[in-house]
Amino acid sequence: MKNILLIIILFCLLSACKKEETPAYSTDDNIYLDFTPTVDNDKTDSIVYSFAYFPEKQEDTVYIPVRISGRRVSRDRRFILTTVDSTTSAVASLHYRPLEKEYIMSADSGLCLVPLILMNKDSVLKRTTFTIGLTLQSTGDFGVQFPLQNKGLVKVSNRLEKPLWWDVWMGELGAYSRVKHELFIRVSGTTELPPTQSDYMVTPKALYHTRRFRSFLQDPFRWVETYAEEGYVIVLQADNNYYFYSSSNPGNKYLLEKNSDDGKYYFKDENGNRII
């Protein structure tokens, strides 16, 4: 009898412990910014965008990922994404289109990609990176209980930084400058080169791009004729100078100057040096 009583007591204790270890799931519905992880799989709180990679575009759209933590429901729900003055150096209607007053998380959805339209009409973007600070605000539908994932940053410019692969292909490309890098992206047929020359499978393709670029620098007029489908032109303008630009974005021009010594035309970099 004592053994039976002991077994009953032990069973009750184990059942009680099990019940405490598995509480019912219950939480408020919240939203947070869920940016794509970086290369090393760490979370990031920002998006970096440069118009220098897209010379034909006068504006472009990046998408801000807003995700819910909680239930998906069968009705549309409202949330607010707004800018933060203290972390925003960009100017609304000059560098980006103002945000809407509110956005909709669609029924049965756990993710909304909010479009943020960036604008490429300020020449200062070539010298300065502007920031757009973002934050989520609570509504009757969603809370914002994750402080570390409640804020984000979009960085926008029209400038480039020297990539690691440039030194690898220095023999083909020559000395680096930002203007030279921009021209490379516009005419080489690629935005980047392999980070090594040891892979014989990719070297021929890399050489195609570098030599297409070199042919452009040697005779930009002929390059424009050869690759007319690319949409670039060289036009003599009122100041009696030639300018190279994309016909879809005529506001972004590159001056071509004639060198009296050899009679050829050259571009100049940001330091006033001829690009060769």
C-alpha atoms as a PDB file:
ATOM      1  CA  MET A   1       0.000   0.000   0.000  1.00  0.00           C
ATOM      2  CA  LYS A   2       2.847   2.370   0.864  1.00  0.00           C
ATOM      3  CA  ASN A   3       4.516   1.627  -2.497  1.00  0.00           C
ATOM      4  CA  ILE A   4       1.298   2.437  -4.395  1.00  0.00           C
ATOM      5  CA  LEU A   5       0.896   5.734  -2.524  1.00  0.00           C
ATOM      6  CA  LEU A   6       4.517   6.695  -3.261  1.00  0.00           C
ATOM      7  CA  ILE A   7       4.057   6.034  -6.987  1.00  0.00           C
ATOM      8  CA  ILE A   8       0.921   8.236  -7.053  1.00  0.00           C
ATOM      9  CA  ILE A   9       2.755  11.102  -5.323  1.00  0.00           C
ATOM     10  CA  LEU A  10       5.741  10.888  -7.718  1.00  0.00           C
ATOM     11  CA  PHE A  11       3.407  10.883 -10.751  1.00  0.00           C
ATOM     12  CA  CYS A  12       1.629  14.006  -9.530  1.00  0.00           C
ATOM     13  CA  LEU A  13       4.924  15.826  -8.931  1.00  0.00           C
ATOM     14  CA  LEU A  14       6.244  14.971 -12.402  1.00  0.00           C
ATOM     15  CA  SER A  15       2.994  16.092 -14.028  1.00  0.00           C
ATOM     16  CA  ALA A  16       3.135  19.417 -12.190  1.00  0.00           C
ATOM     17  CA  CYS A  17       6.731  20.040 -13.284  1.00  0.00           C
ATOM     18  CA  LYS A  18       5.923  19.270 -16.889  1.00  0.00           C
ATOM     19  CA  LYS A  19       3.018  21.675 -16.884  1.00  0.00           C
ATOM     20  CA  GLU A  20       5.182  24.536 -15.572  1.00  0.00           C
ATOM     21  CA  GLU A  21       7.899  23.939 -18.204  1.00  0.00           C
ATOM     22  CA  THR A  22       5.523  24.310 -21.168  1.00  0.00           C
ATOM     23  CA  PRO A  23       3.455  27.462 -20.628  1.00  0.00           C
ATOM     24  CA  ALA A  24       0.910  28.427 -23.263  1.00  0.00           C
ATOM     25  CA  TYR A  25       2.235  30.831 -25.940  1.00  0.00           C
ATOM     26  CA  SER A  26       0.857  34.325 -25.455  1.00  0.00           C
ATOM     27  CA  THR A  27       2.227  37.653 -26.691  1.00  0.00           C
ATOM     28  CA  ASP A  28       1.069  41.002 -28.049  1.00  0.00           C
ATOM     29  CA  ASP A  29       1.404  41.615 -31.783  1.00  0.00           C
ATOM     30  CA  ASN A  30       4.484  43.741 -32.452  1.00  0.00           C
ATOM     31  CA  ILE A  31       6.404  44.878 -35.522  1.00  0.00           C
ATOM     32  CA  TYR A  32      10.137  45.304 -36.122  1.00  0.00           C
ATOM     33  CA  LEU A  33      12.613  46.107 -38.909  1.00  0.00           C
ATOM     34  CA  ASP A  34      14.108  42.918 -40.327  1.00  0.00           C
ATOM     35  CA  PHE A  35      17.008  43.923 -42.569  1.00  0.00           C
ATOM     36  CA  THR A  36      18.947  41.315 -44.537  1.00  0.00           C
ATOM     37  CA  PRO A  37      21.860  39.876 -42.555  1.00  0.00           C
ATOM     38  CA  THR A  38      25.385  40.933 -43.505  1.00  0.00           C
ATOM     39  CA  VAL A  39      27.922  38.584 -45.114  1.00  0.00           C
ATOM     40  CA  ASP A  40      29.047  37.255 -41.720  1.00  0.00           C
ATOM     41  CA  ASN A  41      25.376  36.602 -40.838  1.00  0.00           C
ATOM     42  CA  ASP A  42      25.180  39.385 -38.261  1.00  0.00           C
ATOM     43  CA  LYS A  43      22.060  41.512 -38.164  1.00  0.00           C
ATOM     44  CA  THR A  44      22.323  44.944 -39.706  1.00  0.00           C
ATOM     45  CA  ASP A  45      20.256  48.057 -39.142  1.00  0.00           C
ATOM     46  CA  SER A  46      20.940  49.839 -42.416  1.00  0.00           C
ATOM     47  CA  ILE A  47      20.704  49.818 -46.198  1.00  0.00           C
ATOM     48  CA  VAL A  48      23.494  51.400 -48.278  1.00  0.00           C
ATOM     49  CA  TYR A  49      22.640  52.631 -51.789  1.00  0.00           C
ATOM     50  CA  SER A  50      24.751  54.445 -54.395  1.00  0.00           C
ATOM     51  CA  PHE A  51      23.388  55.850 -57.661  1.00  0.00           C
ATOM     52  CA  ALA A  52      26.935  55.567 -58.995  1.00  0.00           C
ATOM     53  CA  TYR A  53      26.126  51.951 -59.914  1.00  0.00           C
ATOM     54  CA  PHE A  54      23.008  53.010 -61.844  1.00  0.00           C
ATOM     55  CA  PRO A  55      23.914  56.089 -63.917  1.00  0.00           C
ATOM     56  CA  GLU A  56      20.758  55.888 -66.024  1.00  0.00           C
ATOM     57  CA  LYS A  57      18.451  56.258 -63.022  1.00  0.00           C
ATOM     58  CA  GLN A  58      17.144  59.560 -61.736  1.00  0.00           C
ATOM     59  CA  GLU A  59      15.363  57.759 -58.912  1.00  0.00           C
ATOM     60  CA  ASP A  60      15.200  54.254 -57.496  1.00  0.00           C
ATOM     61  CA  THR A  61      13.355  52.334 -54.802  1.00  0.00           C
ATOM     62  CA  VAL A  62      14.707  50.479 -51.779  1.00  0.00           C
ATOM     63  CA  TYR A  63      12.387  48.365 -49.678  1.00  0.00           C
ATOM     64  CA  ILE A  64      12.212  48.568 -45.897  1.00  0.00           C
ATOM     65  CA  PRO A  65      11.238  45.137 -44.464  1.00  0.00           C
ATOM     66  CA  VAL A  66       8.716  45.377 -41.622  1.00  0.00           C
ATOM     67  CA  ARG A  67       7.888  42.044 -39.981  1.00  0.00           C
ATOM     68  CA  ILE A  68       5.374  41.099 -37.306  1.00  0.00           C
ATOM     69  CA  SER A  69       6.070  39.207 -34.110  1.00  0.00           C
ATOM     70  CA  GLY A  70       2.782  37.628 -33.114  1.00  0.00           C
ATOM     71  CA  ARG A  71      -0.300  36.415 -34.908  1.00  0.00           C
ATOM     72  CA  ARG A  72      -1.228  36.657 -38.547  1.00  0.00           C
ATOM     73  CA  VAL A  73      -4.862  37.657 -38.852  1.00  0.00           C
ATOM     74  CA  SER A  74      -7.399  37.657 -41.679  1.00  0.00           C
ATOM     75  CA  ARG A  75      -7.730  41.445 -41.924  1.00  0.00           C
ATOM     76  CA  ASP A  76      -5.546  44.359 -42.958  1.00  0.00           C
ATOM     77  CA  ARG A  77      -3.716  46.159 -40.139  1.00  0.00           C
ATOM     78  CA  ARG A  78      -2.122  49.598 -39.961  1.00  0.00           C
ATOM     79  CA  PHE A  79       1.403  50.553 -38.937  1.00  0.00           C
ATOM     80  CA  ILE A  80       3.486  53.734 -39.000  1.00  0.00           C
ATOM     81  CA  LEU A  81       7.026  54.160 -40.335  1.00  0.00           C
ATOM     82  CA  THR A  82       8.457  57.646 -40.016  1.00  0.00           C
ATOM     83  CA  THR A  83      11.780  59.486 -40.234  1.00  0.00           C
ATOM     84  CA  VAL A  84      13.941  60.492 -37.264  1.00  0.00           C
ATOM     85  CA  ASP A  85      15.176  64.090 -37.402  1.00  0.00           C
ATOM     86  CA  SER A  86      18.306  63.440 -35.307  1.00  0.00           C
ATOM     87  CA  THR A  87      19.634  60.759 -37.679  1.00  0.00           C
ATOM     88  CA  THR A  88      18.379  62.214 -40.985  1.00  0.00           C
ATOM     89  CA  SER A  89      20.626  64.456 -43.075  1.00  0.00           C
ATOM     90  CA  ALA A  90      18.780  63.820 -46.362  1.00  0.00           C
ATOM     91  CA  VAL A  91      16.180  66.354 -47.467  1.00  0.00           C
ATOM     92  CA  ALA A  92      12.653  65.209 -48.275  1.00  0.00           C
ATOM     93  CA  SER A  93      11.614  65.830 -51.933  1.00  0.00           C
ATOM     94  CA  LEU A  94      15.288  66.392 -52.836  1.00  0.00           C
ATOM     95  CA  HIS A  95      16.933  63.119 -51.811  1.00  0.00           C
ATOM     96  CA  TYR A  96      13.838  60.989 -51.161  1.00  0.00           C
ATOM     97  CA  ARG A  97      10.084  61.118 -51.490  1.00  0.00           C
ATOM     98  CA  PRO A  98       8.321  61.730 -48.174  1.00  0.00           C
ATOM     99  CA  LEU A  99       6.886  58.676 -46.428  1.00  0.00           C
ATOM    100  CA  GLU A 100       3.171  57.977 -46.266  1.00  0.00           C
ATOM    101  CA  LYS A 101       1.283  58.713 -43.049  1.00  0.00           C
ATOM    102  CA  GLU A 102       0.662  55.002 -42.530  1.00  0.00           C
ATOM    103  CA  TYR A 103       1.130  51.634 -44.210  1.00  0.00           C
ATOM    104  CA  ILE A 104      -0.869  48.419 -44.405  1.00  0.00           C
ATOM    105  CA  MET A 105       0.167  44.956 -43.244  1.00  0.00           C
ATOM    106  CA  SER A 106      -2.035  42.870 -45.526  1.00  0.00           C
ATOM    107  CA  ALA A 107      -4.373  40.220 -44.196  1.00  0.00           C
ATOM    108  CA  ASP A 108      -2.695  36.871 -43.403  1.00  0.00           C
ATOM    109  CA  SER A 109       0.731  38.425 -44.001  1.00  0.00           C
ATOM    110  CA  GLY A 110       3.704  38.573 -41.644  1.00  0.00           C
ATOM    111  CA  LEU A 111       5.872  40.903 -43.761  1.00  0.00           C
ATOM    112  CA  CYS A 112       5.439  44.245 -45.513  1.00  0.00           C
ATOM    113  CA  LEU A 113       8.089  45.737 -47.810  1.00  0.00           C
ATOM    114  CA  VAL A 114       7.721  49.494 -47.531  1.00  0.00           C
ATOM    115  CA  PRO A 115       8.925  51.315 -50.695  1.00  0.00           C
ATOM    116  CA  LEU A 116      11.296  54.208 -50.046  1.00  0.00           C
ATOM    117  CA  ILE A 117      11.937  56.170 -53.262  1.00  0.00           C
ATOM    118  CA  LEU A 118      15.412  57.717 -53.467  1.00  0.00           C
ATOM    119  CA  MET A 119      16.133  60.633 -55.812  1.00  0.00           C
ATOM    120  CA  ASN A 120      19.256  61.423 -57.815  1.00  0.00           C
ATOM    121  CA  LYS A 121      18.974  65.118 -58.615  1.00  0.00           C
ATOM    122  CA  ASP A 122      21.388  66.722 -56.148  1.00  0.00           C
ATOM    123  CA  SER A 123      24.989  67.059 -57.381  1.00  0.00           C
ATOM    124  CA  VAL A 124      26.170  67.044 -53.749  1.00  0.00           C
ATOM    125  CA  LEU A 125      25.459  63.300 -53.710  1.00  0.00           C
ATOM    126  CA  LYS A 126      28.737  62.880 -55.603  1.00  0.00           C
ATOM    127  CA  ARG A 127      30.627  64.231 -52.586  1.00  0.00           C
ATOM    128  CA  THR A 128      28.451  63.376 -49.605  1.00  0.00           C
ATOM    129  CA  THR A 129      26.557  60.392 -48.253  1.00  0.00           C
ATOM    130  CA  PHE A 130      23.169  61.388 -46.825  1.00  0.00           C
ATOM    131  CA  THR A 131      21.272  59.407 -44.218  1.00  0.00           C
ATOM    132  CA  ILE A 132      17.572  58.747 -43.661  1.00  0.00           C
ATOM    133  CA  GLY A 133      16.812  57.655 -40.119  1.00  0.00           C
ATOM    134  CA  LEU A 134      13.701  55.492 -39.747  1.00  0.00           C
ATOM    135  CA  THR A 135      11.613  54.326 -36.821  1.00  0.00           C
ATOM    136  CA  LEU A 136       8.407  52.376 -36.259  1.00  0.00           C
ATOM    137  CA  GLN A 137       5.623  53.772 -34.103  1.00  0.00           C
ATOM    138  CA  SER A 138       2.888  51.894 -32.277  1.00  0.00           C
ATOM    139  CA  THR A 139      -0.718  51.887 -33.484  1.00  0.00           C
ATOM    140  CA  GLY A 140      -3.937  50.279 -32.340  1.00  0.00           C
ATOM    141  CA  ASP A 141      -2.914  47.194 -34.349  1.00  0.00           C
ATOM    142  CA  PHE A 142       0.775  46.831 -33.445  1.00  0.00           C
ATOM    143  CA  GLY A 143       3.160  47.551 -30.632  1.00  0.00           C
ATOM    144  CA  VAL A 144       6.906  48.273 -30.981  1.00  0.00           C
ATOM    145  CA  GLN A 145       8.393  46.336 -28.072  1.00  0.00           C
ATOM    146  CA  PHE A 146      11.791  45.566 -29.652  1.00  0.00           C
ATOM    147  CA  PRO A 147      13.929  48.713 -29.144  1.00  0.00           C
ATOM    148  CA  LEU A 148      17.031  47.273 -30.847  1.00  0.00           C
ATOM    149  CA  GLN A 149      15.042  46.497 -34.024  1.00  0.00           C
ATOM    150  CA  ASN A 150      12.735  49.473 -33.988  1.00  0.00           C
ATOM    151  CA  LYS A 151      15.103  51.865 -35.771  1.00  0.00           C
ATOM    152  CA  GLY A 152      16.989  51.721 -39.056  1.00  0.00           C
ATOM    153  CA  LEU A 153      19.085  53.804 -41.418  1.00  0.00           C
ATOM    154  CA  VAL A 154      19.250  54.246 -45.185  1.00  0.00           C
ATOM    155  CA  LYS A 155      22.484  55.724 -46.580  1.00  0.00           C
ATOM    156  CA  VAL A 156      22.306  57.225 -50.060  1.00  0.00           C
ATOM    157  CA  SER A 157      24.967  58.794 -52.284  1.00  0.00           C
ATOM    158  CA  ASN A 158      26.202  58.972 -55.851  1.00  0.00           C
ATOM    159  CA  ARG A 159      29.822  58.174 -55.015  1.00  0.00           C
ATOM    160  CA  LEU A 160      32.054  55.138 -54.983  1.00  0.00           C
ATOM    161  CA  GLU A 161      34.832  53.768 -52.808  1.00  0.00           C
ATOM    162  CA  LYS A 162      37.847  51.843 -54.106  1.00  0.00           C
ATOM    163  CA  PRO A 163      36.961  48.120 -54.220  1.00  0.00           C
ATOM    164  CA  LEU A 164      39.461  45.432 -53.186  1.00  0.00           C
ATOM    165  CA  TRP A 165      39.430  43.927 -56.670  1.00  0.00           C
ATOM    166  CA  TRP A 166      40.810  47.121 -58.256  1.00  0.00           C
ATOM    167  CA  ASP A 167      44.335  46.421 -56.958  1.00  0.00           C
ATOM    168  CA  VAL A 168      44.099  42.837 -58.242  1.00  0.00           C
ATOM    169  CA  TRP A 169      43.538  44.150 -61.776  1.00  0.00           C
ATOM    170  CA  MET A 170      45.702  47.269 -61.471  1.00  0.00           C
ATOM    171  CA  GLY A 171      47.787  46.206 -64.467  1.00  0.00           C
ATOM    172  CA  GLU A 172      44.692  46.418 -66.657  1.00  0.00           C
ATOM    173  CA  LEU A 173      42.889  49.316 -65.004  1.00  0.00           C
ATOM    174  CA  GLY A 174      45.678  51.661 -63.935  1.00  0.00           C
ATOM    175  CA  ALA A 175      45.558  54.070 -60.990  1.00  0.00           C
ATOM    176  CA  TYR A 176      42.268  54.385 -59.129  1.00  0.00           C
ATOM    177  CA  SER A 177      40.001  57.433 -58.983  1.00  0.00           C
ATOM    178  CA  ARG A 178      36.292  57.741 -58.283  1.00  0.00           C
ATOM    179  CA  VAL A 179      35.543  59.215 -61.707  1.00  0.00           C
ATOM    180  CA  LYS A 180      37.488  56.413 -63.377  1.00  0.00           C
ATOM    181  CA  HIS A 181      35.547  53.883 -61.314  1.00  0.00           C
ATOM    182  CA  GLU A 182      32.256  55.485 -62.402  1.00  0.00           C
ATOM    183  CA  LEU A 183      33.260  55.333 -66.067  1.00  0.00           C
ATOM    184  CA  PHE A 184      34.312  51.699 -65.642  1.00  0.00           C
ATOM    185  CA  ILE A 185      30.833  50.802 -64.371  1.00  0.00           C
ATOM    186  CA  ARG A 186      29.166  52.662 -67.217  1.00  0.00           C
ATOM    187  CA  VAL A 187      31.098  51.169 -70.122  1.00  0.00           C
ATOM    188  CA  SER A 188      32.889  47.939 -69.139  1.00  0.00           C
ATOM    189  CA  GLY A 189      29.759  45.786 -69.102  1.00  0.00           C
ATOM    190  CA  THR A 190      30.127  44.868 -65.408  1.00  0.00           C
ATOM    191  CA  THR A 191      30.132  46.514 -61.984  1.00  0.00           C
ATOM    192  CA  GLU A 192      32.929  44.415 -60.499  1.00  0.00           C
ATOM    193  CA  LEU A 193      35.779  42.056 -61.309  1.00  0.00           C
ATOM    194  CA  PRO A 194      36.885  38.788 -59.651  1.00  0.00           C
ATOM    195  CA  PRO A 195      38.895  39.191 -56.412  1.00  0.00           C
ATOM    196  CA  THR A 196      41.694  37.015 -57.798  1.00  0.00           C
ATOM    197  CA  GLN A 197      43.493  36.258 -61.069  1.00  0.00           C
ATOM    198  CA  SER A 198      44.243  32.668 -60.057  1.00  0.00           C
ATOM    199  CA  ASP A 199      40.979  31.251 -61.439  1.00  0.00           C
ATOM    200  CA  TYR A 200      41.642  30.594 -65.132  1.00  0.00           C
ATOM    201  CA  MET A 201      37.925  30.024 -65.687  1.00  0.00           C
ATOM    202  CA  VAL A 202      36.991  33.656 -64.987  1.00  0.00           C
ATOM    203  CA  THR A 203      40.091  35.494 -66.232  1.00  0.00           C
ATOM    204  CA  PRO A 204      39.067  35.636 -69.938  1.00  0.00           C
ATOM    205  CA  LYS A 205      35.731  37.240 -69.033  1.00  0.00           C
ATOM    206  CA  ALA A 206      37.469  39.734 -66.720  1.00  0.00           C
ATOM    207  CA  LEU A 207      39.883  40.674 -69.498  1.00  0.00           C
ATOM    208  CA  TYR A 208      36.965  41.245 -71.859  1.00  0.00           C
ATOM    209  CA  HIS A 209      35.565  43.839 -69.442  1.00  0.00           C
ATOM    210  CA  THR A 210      38.881  45.572 -68.745  1.00  0.00           C
ATOM    211  CA  ARG A 211      39.784  45.812 -72.420  1.00  0.00           C
ATOM    212  CA  ARG A 212      36.361  47.095 -73.352  1.00  0.00           C
ATOM    213  CA  PHE A 213      36.971  49.824 -70.779  1.00  0.00           C
ATOM    214  CA  ARG A 214      40.446  50.587 -72.112  1.00  0.00           C
ATOM    215  CA  SER A 215      39.105  50.888 -75.657  1.00  0.00           C
ATOM    216  CA  PHE A 216      36.618  53.446 -74.368  1.00  0.00           C
ATOM    217  CA  LEU A 217      39.330  55.569 -72.746  1.00  0.00           C
ATOM    218  CA  GLN A 218      41.450  55.434 -75.897  1.00  0.00           C
ATOM    219  CA  ASP A 219      38.617  56.550 -78.210  1.00  0.00           C
ATOM    220  CA  PRO A 220      35.305  57.358 -76.475  1.00  0.00           C
ATOM    221  CA  PHE A 221      33.741  58.647 -79.720  1.00  0.00           C
ATOM    222  CA  ARG A 222      34.285  55.330 -81.460  1.00  0.00           C
ATOM    223  CA  TRP A 223      33.081  53.398 -78.387  1.00  0.00           C
ATOM    224  CA  VAL A 224      29.773  55.307 -78.425  1.00  0.00           C
ATOM    225  CA  GLU A 225      29.259  54.363 -82.072  1.00  0.00           C
ATOM    226  CA  THR A 226      30.225  50.708 -81.523  1.00  0.00           C
ATOM    227  CA  TYR A 227      27.963  50.260 -78.501  1.00  0.00           C
ATOM    228  CA  ALA A 228      25.097  52.519 -79.591  1.00  0.00           C
ATOM    229  CA  GLU A 229      22.594  50.143 -77.946  1.00  0.00           C
ATOM    230  CA  GLU A 230      23.987  51.131 -74.525  1.00  0.00           C
ATOM    231  CA  GLY A 231      22.289  54.520 -74.858  1.00  0.00           C
ATOM    232  CA  TYR A 232      25.314  56.784 -74.295  1.00  0.00           C
ATOM    233  CA  VAL A 233      26.085  59.864 -76.341  1.00  0.00           C
ATOM    234  CA  ILE A 234      28.849  62.446 -76.741  1.00  0.00           C
ATOM    235  CA  VAL A 235      27.481  65.887 -77.500  1.00  0.00           C
ATOM    236  CA  LEU A 236      29.105  69.230 -78.280  1.00  0.00           C
ATOM    237  CA  GLN A 237      27.338  71.774 -76.106  1.00  0.00           C
ATOM    238  CA  ALA A 238      27.037  75.547 -75.923  1.00  0.00           C
ATOM    239  CA  ASP A 239      30.296  75.998 -73.997  1.00  0.00           C
ATOM    240  CA  ASN A 240      32.085  74.420 -77.008  1.00  0.00           C
ATOM    241  CA  ASN A 241      33.026  71.327 -74.986  1.00  0.00           C
ATOM    242  CA  TYR A 242      32.102  67.684 -75.522  1.00  0.00           C
ATOM    243  CA  TYR A 243      30.199  65.817 -72.827  1.00  0.00           C
ATOM    244  CA  PHE A 244      29.633  62.094 -72.393  1.00  0.00           C
ATOM    245  CA  TYR A 245      26.417  60.951 -70.714  1.00  0.00           C
ATOM    246  CA  SER A 246      23.523  58.500 -70.747  1.00  0.00           C
ATOM    247  CA  SER A 247      20.643  59.722 -72.882  1.00  0.00           C
ATOM    248  CA  SER A 248      18.269  58.559 -70.115  1.00  0.00           C
ATOM    249  CA  ASN A 249      19.997  60.728 -67.500  1.00  0.00           C
ATOM    250  CA  PRO A 250      21.417  63.848 -69.210  1.00  0.00           C
ATOM    251  CA  GLY A 251      21.948  65.600 -65.891  1.00  0.00           C
ATOM    252  CA  ASN A 252      24.974  63.406 -65.129  1.00  0.00           C
ATOM    253  CA  LYS A 253      27.646  64.500 -67.614  1.00  0.00           C
ATOM    254  CA  TYR A 254      31.387  63.851 -67.991  1.00  0.00           C
ATOM    255  CA  LEU A 255      33.523  66.519 -69.640  1.00  0.00           C
ATOM    256  CA  LEU A 256      35.838  65.475 -72.477  1.00  0.00           C
ATOM    257  CA  GLU A 257      38.782  67.829 -72.982  1.00  0.00           C
ATOM    258  CA  LYS A 258      41.084  67.916 -75.985  1.00  0.00           C
ATOM    259  CA  ASN A 259      44.805  67.638 -75.312  1.00  0.00           C
ATOM    260  CA  SER A 260      46.699  69.939 -77.687  1.00  0.00           C
ATOM    261  CA  ASP A 261      49.849  67.809 -77.513  1.00  0.00           C
ATOM    262  CA  ASP A 262      48.397  64.673 -79.101  1.00  0.00           C
ATOM    263  CA  GLY A 263      45.008  65.906 -80.328  1.00  0.00           C
ATOM    264  CA  LYS A 264      43.133  63.298 -78.265  1.00  0.00           C
ATOM    265  CA  TYR A 265      40.237  63.782 -75.858  1.00  0.00           C
ATOM    266  CA  TYR A 266      40.534  62.831 -72.202  1.00  0.00           C
ATOM    267  CA  PHE A 267      38.320  62.710 -69.132  1.00  0.00           C
ATOM    268  CA  LYS A 268      39.590  64.168 -65.884  1.00  0.00           C
ATOM    269  CA  ASP A 269      39.224  62.703 -62.418  1.00  0.00           C
ATOM    270  CA  GLU A 270      38.118  64.395 -59.203  1.00  0.00           C
ATOM    271  CA  ASN A 271      41.662  65.720 -58.690  1.00  0.00           C
ATOM    272  CA  GLY A 272      41.936  67.281 -62.161  1.00  0.00           C
ATOM    273  CA  ASN A 273      44.223  64.546 -63.536  1.00  0.00           C
ATOM    274  CA  ARG A 274      43.753  63.054 -66.980  1.00  0.00           C
ATOM    275  CA  ILE A 275      42.256  59.560 -66.941  1.00  0.00           C
ATOM    276  CA  ILE A 276      44.329  57.141 -69.004  1.00  0.00           C
END
